[in-house]
Amino acid sequence: MVQTIDQEILHIVAHEIGHGFGLPDFYEPQDKPTEKFPPAIMMAGSAMEITDSDGWMLRRAYESIMDRYSFK
């Protein structure tokens, strides 16, 4: 399957995988953590590759899961 992914849609695949990790869409301004939130793959049209903002969101989701289920 990976061999058939076209480079032109790779950002869409990355976005959808983000949902698998629990990351939300940021389509509307009120959806963003802050008004000045930097571009992210989860913010449709603002980034074509995974950014530091996406890494930050993934770490936050991971930390939340760790705390919720007492994983250490």
PDB file of N, CA and C in Angstrom:
ATOM      1  N   MET A   1       0.817  -1.194   0.000  1.00  0.00           N
ATOM      2  CA  MET A   1       0.000   0.000   0.000  1.00  0.00           C
ATOM      3  C   MET A   1       0.863   1.261   0.000  1.00  0.00           C
ATOM      4  N   VAL A   2       1.905   1.272   0.804  1.00  0.00           N
ATOM      5  CA  VAL A   2       2.747   2.462   0.905  1.00  0.00           C
ATOM      6  C   VAL A   2       3.364   2.816  -0.446  1.00  0.00           C
ATOM      7  N   GLN A   3       3.705   1.819  -1.241  1.00  0.00           N
ATOM      8  CA  GLN A   3       4.306   2.089  -2.545  1.00  0.00           C
ATOM      9  C   GLN A   3       3.343   2.816  -3.477  1.00  0.00           C
ATOM     10  N   THR A   4       2.041   2.700  -3.234  1.00  0.00           N
ATOM     11  CA  THR A   4       1.060   3.323  -4.126  1.00  0.00           C
ATOM     12  C   THR A   4       0.674   4.734  -3.704  1.00  0.00           C
ATOM     13  N   ILE A   5       1.177   5.199  -2.574  1.00  0.00           N
ATOM     14  CA  ILE A   5       0.838   6.548  -2.119  1.00  0.00           C
ATOM     15  C   ILE A   5       1.593   7.562  -2.960  1.00  0.00           C
ATOM     16  N   ASP A   6       0.853   8.433  -3.580  1.00  0.00           N
ATOM     17  CA  ASP A   6       1.411   9.480  -4.424  1.00  0.00           C
ATOM     18  C   ASP A   6       1.960  10.602  -3.541  1.00  0.00           C
ATOM     19  N   GLN A   7       3.115  11.126  -3.875  1.00  0.00           N
ATOM     20  CA  GLN A   7       3.722  12.223  -3.107  1.00  0.00           C
ATOM     21  C   GLN A   7       2.769  13.400  -2.960  1.00  0.00           C
ATOM     22  N   GLU A   8       1.891  13.594  -3.939  1.00  0.00           N
ATOM     23  CA  GLU A   8       0.986  14.740  -3.897  1.00  0.00           C
ATOM     24  C   GLU A   8      -0.067  14.619  -2.803  1.00  0.00           C
ATOM     25  N   ILE A   9      -0.337  13.401  -2.339  1.00  0.00           N
ATOM     26  CA  ILE A   9      -1.341  13.231  -1.286  1.00  0.00           C
ATOM     27  C   ILE A   9      -0.731  12.768   0.036  1.00  0.00           C
ATOM     28  N   LEU A  10       0.576  12.722   0.106  1.00  0.00           N
ATOM     29  CA  LEU A  10       1.236  12.246   1.322  1.00  0.00           C
ATOM     30  C   LEU A  10       0.851  13.078   2.546  1.00  0.00           C
ATOM     31  N   HIS A  11       0.664  14.385   2.367  1.00  0.00           N
ATOM     32  CA  HIS A  11       0.269  15.230   3.496  1.00  0.00           C
ATOM     33  C   HIS A  11      -1.122  14.855   4.012  1.00  0.00           C
ATOM     34  N   ILE A  12      -1.990  14.386   3.121  1.00  0.00           N
ATOM     35  CA  ILE A  12      -3.325  13.953   3.542  1.00  0.00           C
ATOM     36  C   ILE A  12      -3.213  12.673   4.367  1.00  0.00           C
ATOM     37  N   VAL A  13      -2.372  11.762   3.916  1.00  0.00           N
ATOM     38  CA  VAL A  13      -2.149  10.520   4.658  1.00  0.00           C
ATOM     39  C   VAL A  13      -1.594  10.840   6.048  1.00  0.00           C
ATOM     40  N   ALA A  14      -0.616  11.740   6.121  1.00  0.00           N
ATOM     41  CA  ALA A  14      -0.038  12.127   7.412  1.00  0.00           C
ATOM     42  C   ALA A  14      -1.105  12.750   8.314  1.00  0.00           C
ATOM     43  N   HIS A  15      -1.971  13.585   7.732  1.00  0.00           N
ATOM     44  CA  HIS A  15      -3.060  14.216   8.484  1.00  0.00           C
ATOM     45  C   HIS A  15      -3.989  13.148   9.066  1.00  0.00           C
ATOM     46  N   GLU A  16      -4.377  12.196   8.242  1.00  0.00           N
ATOM     47  CA  GLU A  16      -5.295  11.148   8.700  1.00  0.00           C
ATOM     48  C   GLU A  16      -4.646  10.243   9.746  1.00  0.00           C
ATOM     49  N   ILE A  17      -3.362   9.968   9.606  1.00  0.00           N
ATOM     50  CA  ILE A  17      -2.649   9.192  10.622  1.00  0.00           C
ATOM     51  C   ILE A  17      -2.647   9.959  11.949  1.00  0.00           C
ATOM     52  N   GLY A  18      -2.556  11.284  11.872  1.00  0.00           N
ATOM     53  CA  GLY A  18      -2.636  12.110  13.080  1.00  0.00           C
ATOM     54  C   GLY A  18      -3.917  11.848  13.853  1.00  0.00           C
ATOM     55  N   HIS A  19      -5.035  11.657  13.126  1.00  0.00           N
ATOM     56  CA  HIS A  19      -6.293  11.325  13.803  1.00  0.00           C
ATOM     57  C   HIS A  19      -6.182   9.994  14.537  1.00  0.00           C
ATOM     58  N   GLY A  20      -5.446   9.049  13.944  1.00  0.00           N
ATOM     59  CA  GLY A  20      -5.239   7.758  14.595  1.00  0.00           C
ATOM     60  C   GLY A  20      -4.515   7.893  15.927  1.00  0.00           C
ATOM     61  N   PHE A  21      -3.708   8.948  16.058  1.00  0.00           N
ATOM     62  CA  PHE A  21      -3.006   9.227  17.315  1.00  0.00           C
ATOM     63  C   PHE A  21      -3.825  10.135  18.233  1.00  0.00           C
ATOM     64  N   GLY A  22      -5.044  10.451  17.824  1.00  0.00           N
ATOM     65  CA  GLY A  22      -5.922  11.258  18.663  1.00  0.00           C
ATOM     66  C   GLY A  22      -5.845  12.750  18.433  1.00  0.00           C
ATOM     67  N   LEU A  23      -5.173  13.193  17.376  1.00  0.00           N
ATOM     68  CA  LEU A  23      -5.060  14.625  17.111  1.00  0.00           C
ATOM     69  C   LEU A  23      -6.314  15.129  16.399  1.00  0.00           C
ATOM     70  N   PRO A  24      -6.804  16.310  16.781  1.00  0.00           N
ATOM     71  CA  PRO A  24      -8.019  16.858  16.172  1.00  0.00           C
ATOM     72  C   PRO A  24      -7.719  17.668  14.915  1.00  0.00           C
ATOM     73  N   ASP A  25      -8.789  17.978  14.182  1.00  0.00           N
ATOM     74  CA  ASP A  25      -8.692  18.911  13.059  1.00  0.00           C
ATOM     75  C   ASP A  25      -8.686  20.329  13.607  1.00  0.00           C
ATOM     76  N   PHE A  26      -7.992  21.210  12.922  1.00  0.00           N
ATOM     77  CA  PHE A  26      -8.025  22.631  13.245  1.00  0.00           C
ATOM     78  C   PHE A  26      -8.464  23.387  11.999  1.00  0.00           C
ATOM     79  N   TYR A  27      -9.734  23.219  11.624  1.00  0.00           N
ATOM     80  CA  TYR A  27     -10.245  23.870  10.419  1.00  0.00           C
ATOM     81  C   TYR A  27     -10.721  25.296  10.683  1.00  0.00           C
ATOM     82  N   GLU A  28     -11.233  25.539  11.863  1.00  0.00           N
ATOM     83  CA  GLU A  28     -11.787  26.846  12.202  1.00  0.00           C
ATOM     84  C   GLU A  28     -10.888  27.531  13.235  1.00  0.00           C
ATOM     85  N   PRO A  29     -10.827  28.860  13.212  1.00  0.00           N
ATOM     86  CA  PRO A  29      -9.978  29.581  14.173  1.00  0.00           C
ATOM     87  C   PRO A  29     -10.257  29.197  15.629  1.00  0.00           C
ATOM     88  N   GLN A  30     -11.513  28.972  15.970  1.00  0.00           N
ATOM     89  CA  GLN A  30     -11.850  28.622  17.358  1.00  0.00           C
ATOM     90  C   GLN A  30     -11.385  27.215  17.740  1.00  0.00           C
ATOM     91  N   ASP A  31     -11.004  26.392  16.761  1.00  0.00           N
ATOM     92  CA  ASP A  31     -10.513  25.041  17.040  1.00  0.00           C
ATOM     93  C   ASP A  31      -9.049  25.030  17.479  1.00  0.00           C
ATOM     94  N   LYS A  32      -8.316  26.075  17.153  1.00  0.00           N
ATOM     95  CA  LYS A  32      -6.878  26.121  17.440  1.00  0.00           C
ATOM     96  C   LYS A  32      -6.621  26.362  18.928  1.00  0.00           C
ATOM     97  N   PRO A  33      -5.518  25.806  19.455  1.00  0.00           N
ATOM     98  CA  PRO A  33      -5.180  26.056  20.865  1.00  0.00           C
ATOM     99  C   PRO A  33      -5.034  27.546  21.177  1.00  0.00           C
ATOM    100  N   THR A  34      -4.441  28.301  20.262  1.00  0.00           N
ATOM    101  CA  THR A  34      -4.332  29.756  20.397  1.00  0.00           C
ATOM    102  C   THR A  34      -4.526  30.368  19.020  1.00  0.00           C
ATOM    103  N   GLU A  35      -4.832  31.640  18.994  1.00  0.00           N
ATOM    104  CA  GLU A  35      -5.053  32.329  17.725  1.00  0.00           C
ATOM    105  C   GLU A  35      -3.798  32.327  16.854  1.00  0.00           C
ATOM    106  N   LYS A  36      -2.632  32.397  17.496  1.00  0.00           N
ATOM    107  CA  LYS A  36      -1.369  32.472  16.753  1.00  0.00           C
ATOM    108  C   LYS A  36      -0.677  31.112  16.647  1.00  0.00           C
ATOM    109  N   PHE A  37      -1.452  30.019  16.708  1.00  0.00           N
ATOM    110  CA  PHE A  37      -0.867  28.684  16.624  1.00  0.00           C
ATOM    111  C   PHE A  37      -0.176  28.523  15.275  1.00  0.00           C
ATOM    112  N   PRO A  38       1.071  28.060  15.268  1.00  0.00           N
ATOM    113  CA  PRO A  38       1.825  27.947  14.012  1.00  0.00           C
ATOM    114  C   PRO A  38       1.260  26.863  13.089  1.00  0.00           C
ATOM    115  N   PRO A  39       1.649  26.878  11.827  1.00  0.00           N
ATOM    116  CA  PRO A  39       1.153  25.888  10.868  1.00  0.00           C
ATOM    117  C   PRO A  39       1.367  24.458  11.366  1.00  0.00           C
ATOM    118  N   ALA A  40       0.427  23.590  10.992  1.00  0.00           N
ATOM    119  CA  ALA A  40       0.492  22.184  11.385  1.00  0.00           C
ATOM    120  C   ALA A  40      -0.212  21.339  10.332  1.00  0.00           C
ATOM    121  N   ILE A  41       0.194  20.102  10.199  1.00  0.00           N
ATOM    122  CA  ILE A  41      -0.428  19.192   9.234  1.00  0.00           C
ATOM    123  C   ILE A  41      -1.902  18.975   9.591  1.00  0.00           C
ATOM    124  N   MET A  42      -2.245  19.132  10.868  1.00  0.00           N
ATOM    125  CA  MET A  42      -3.627  18.945  11.309  1.00  0.00           C
ATOM    126  C   MET A  42      -4.485  20.177  11.038  1.00  0.00           C
ATOM    127  N   MET A  43      -3.896  21.242  10.557  1.00  0.00           N
ATOM    128  CA  MET A  43      -4.597  22.463  10.194  1.00  0.00           C
ATOM    129  C   MET A  43      -4.620  22.510   8.663  1.00  0.00           C
ATOM    130  N   ALA A  44      -5.697  22.023   8.092  1.00  0.00           N
ATOM    131  CA  ALA A  44      -5.788  21.833   6.640  1.00  0.00           C
ATOM    132  C   ALA A  44      -5.280  23.036   5.853  1.00  0.00           C
ATOM    133  N   GLY A  45      -4.364  22.757   4.940  1.00  0.00           N
ATOM    134  CA  GLY A  45      -3.850  23.784   4.047  1.00  0.00           C
ATOM    135  C   GLY A  45      -2.714  24.622   4.599  1.00  0.00           C
ATOM    136  N   SER A  46      -2.376  24.477   5.866  1.00  0.00           N
ATOM    137  CA  SER A  46      -1.330  25.342   6.415  1.00  0.00           C
ATOM    138  C   SER A  46       0.058  24.722   6.348  1.00  0.00           C
ATOM    139  N   ALA A  47       0.139  23.392   6.178  1.00  0.00           N
ATOM    140  CA  ALA A  47       1.444  22.726   6.096  1.00  0.00           C
ATOM    141  C   ALA A  47       1.326  21.492   5.210  1.00  0.00           C
ATOM    142  N   MET A  48       2.372  21.224   4.468  1.00  0.00           N
ATOM    143  CA  MET A  48       2.390  20.057   3.585  1.00  0.00           C
ATOM    144  C   MET A  48       3.246  18.932   4.158  1.00  0.00           C
ATOM    145  N   GLU A  49       3.798  19.155   5.335  1.00  0.00           N
ATOM    146  CA  GLU A  49       4.594  18.122   5.998  1.00  0.00           C
ATOM    147  C   GLU A  49       4.426  18.282   7.505  1.00  0.00           C
ATOM    148  N   ILE A  50       4.821  17.265   8.244  1.00  0.00           N
ATOM    149  CA  ILE A  50       4.706  17.300   9.695  1.00  0.00           C
ATOM    150  C   ILE A  50       5.612  18.405  10.232  1.00  0.00           C
ATOM    151  N   THR A  51       5.071  19.205  11.147  1.00  0.00           N
ATOM    152  CA  THR A  51       5.791  20.363  11.682  1.00  0.00           C
ATOM    153  C   THR A  51       6.079  20.189  13.176  1.00  0.00           C
ATOM    154  N   ASP A  52       6.816  21.125  13.732  1.00  0.00           N
ATOM    155  CA  ASP A  52       7.068  21.124  15.176  1.00  0.00           C
ATOM    156  C   ASP A  52       5.761  21.220  15.958  1.00  0.00           C
ATOM    157  N   SER A  53       4.782  21.937  15.414  1.00  0.00           N
ATOM    158  CA  SER A  53       3.477  22.059  16.080  1.00  0.00           C
ATOM    159  C   SER A  53       2.804  20.702  16.201  1.00  0.00           C
ATOM    160  N   ASP A  54       2.908  19.892  15.151  1.00  0.00           N
ATOM    161  CA  ASP A  54       2.333  18.545  15.194  1.00  0.00           C
ATOM    162  C   ASP A  54       3.048  17.700  16.240  1.00  0.00           C
ATOM    163  N   GLY A  55       4.360  17.844  16.324  1.00  0.00           N
ATOM    164  CA  GLY A  55       5.123  17.126  17.342  1.00  0.00           C
ATOM    165  C   GLY A  55       4.691  17.526  18.736  1.00  0.00           C
ATOM    166  N   TRP A  56       4.453  18.818  18.936  1.00  0.00           N
ATOM    167  CA  TRP A  56       3.987  19.310  20.225  1.00  0.00           C
ATOM    168  C   TRP A  56       2.634  18.690  20.570  1.00  0.00           C
ATOM    169  N   MET A  57       1.710  18.677  19.589  1.00  0.00           N
ATOM    170  CA  MET A  57       0.383  18.102  19.838  1.00  0.00           C
ATOM    171  C   MET A  57       0.473  16.613  20.155  1.00  0.00           C
ATOM    172  N   LEU A  58       1.321  15.896  19.441  1.00  0.00           N
ATOM    173  CA  LEU A  58       1.478  14.464  19.679  1.00  0.00           C
ATOM    174  C   LEU A  58       2.040  14.199  21.078  1.00  0.00           C
ATOM    175  N   ARG A  59       3.012  15.013  21.492  1.00  0.00           N
ATOM    176  CA  ARG A  59       3.550  14.872  22.854  1.00  0.00           C
ATOM    177  C   ARG A  59       2.474  15.141  23.900  1.00  0.00           C
ATOM    178  N   ARG A  60       1.642  16.149  23.673  1.00  0.00           N
ATOM    179  CA  ARG A  60       0.554  16.463  24.615  1.00  0.00           C
ATOM    180  C   ARG A  60      -0.429  15.304  24.707  1.00  0.00           C
ATOM    181  N   ALA A  61      -0.794  14.712  23.561  1.00  0.00           N
ATOM    182  CA  ALA A  61      -1.710  13.566  23.563  1.00  0.00           C
ATOM    183  C   ALA A  61      -1.076  12.396  24.309  1.00  0.00           C
ATOM    184  N   TYR A  62       0.193  12.140  24.052  1.00  0.00           N
ATOM    185  CA  TYR A  62       0.922  11.051  24.708  1.00  0.00           C
ATOM    186  C   TYR A  62       0.978  11.265  26.220  1.00  0.00           C
ATOM    187  N   GLU A  63       1.288  12.494  26.641  1.00  0.00           N
ATOM    188  CA  GLU A  63       1.351  12.797  28.071  1.00  0.00           C
ATOM    189  C   GLU A  63      -0.008  12.610  28.732  1.00  0.00           C
ATOM    190  N   SER A  64      -1.068  12.982  28.035  1.00  0.00           N
ATOM    191  CA  SER A  64      -2.417  12.819  28.568  1.00  0.00           C
ATOM    192  C   SER A  64      -2.744  11.343  28.772  1.00  0.00           C
ATOM    193  N   ILE A  65      -2.373  10.521  27.802  1.00  0.00           N
ATOM    194  CA  ILE A  65      -2.614   9.079  27.914  1.00  0.00           C
ATOM    195  C   ILE A  65      -1.780   8.500  29.050  1.00  0.00           C
ATOM    196  N   MET A  66      -0.531   8.922  29.130  1.00  0.00           N
ATOM    197  CA  MET A  66       0.351   8.428  30.197  1.00  0.00           C
ATOM    198  C   MET A  66      -0.241   8.742  31.572  1.00  0.00           C
ATOM    199  N   ASP A  67      -0.714   9.975  31.754  1.00  0.00           N
ATOM    200  CA  ASP A  67      -1.293  10.377  33.035  1.00  0.00           C
ATOM    201  C   ASP A  67      -2.595   9.638  33.320  1.00  0.00           C
ATOM    202  N   ARG A  68      -3.438   9.518  32.301  1.00  0.00           N
ATOM    203  CA  ARG A  68      -4.753   8.908  32.479  1.00  0.00           C
ATOM    204  C   ARG A  68      -4.659   7.438  32.881  1.00  0.00           C
ATOM    205  N   TYR A  69      -3.710   6.729  32.317  1.00  0.00           N
ATOM    206  CA  TYR A  69      -3.608   5.292  32.557  1.00  0.00           C
ATOM    207  C   TYR A  69      -2.409   4.908  33.429  1.00  0.00           C
ATOM    208  N   SER A  70      -1.795   5.885  34.045  1.00  0.00           N
ATOM    209  CA  SER A  70      -0.662   5.665  34.962  1.00  0.00           C
ATOM    210  C   SER A  70       0.477   4.883  34.327  1.00  0.00           C
ATOM    211  N   PHE A  71       0.740   5.143  33.043  1.00  0.00           N
ATOM    212  CA  PHE A  71       1.894   4.530  32.383  1.00  0.00           C
ATOM    213  C   PHE A  71       3.130   5.320  32.779  1.00  0.00           C
ATOM    214  N   LYS A  72       4.164   4.667  33.145  1.00  0.00           N
ATOM    215  CA  LYS A  72       5.419   5.351  33.492  1.00  0.00           C
ATOM    216  C   LYS A  72       6.575   4.593  32.919  1.00  0.00           C
TER     217      LYS A  72
END
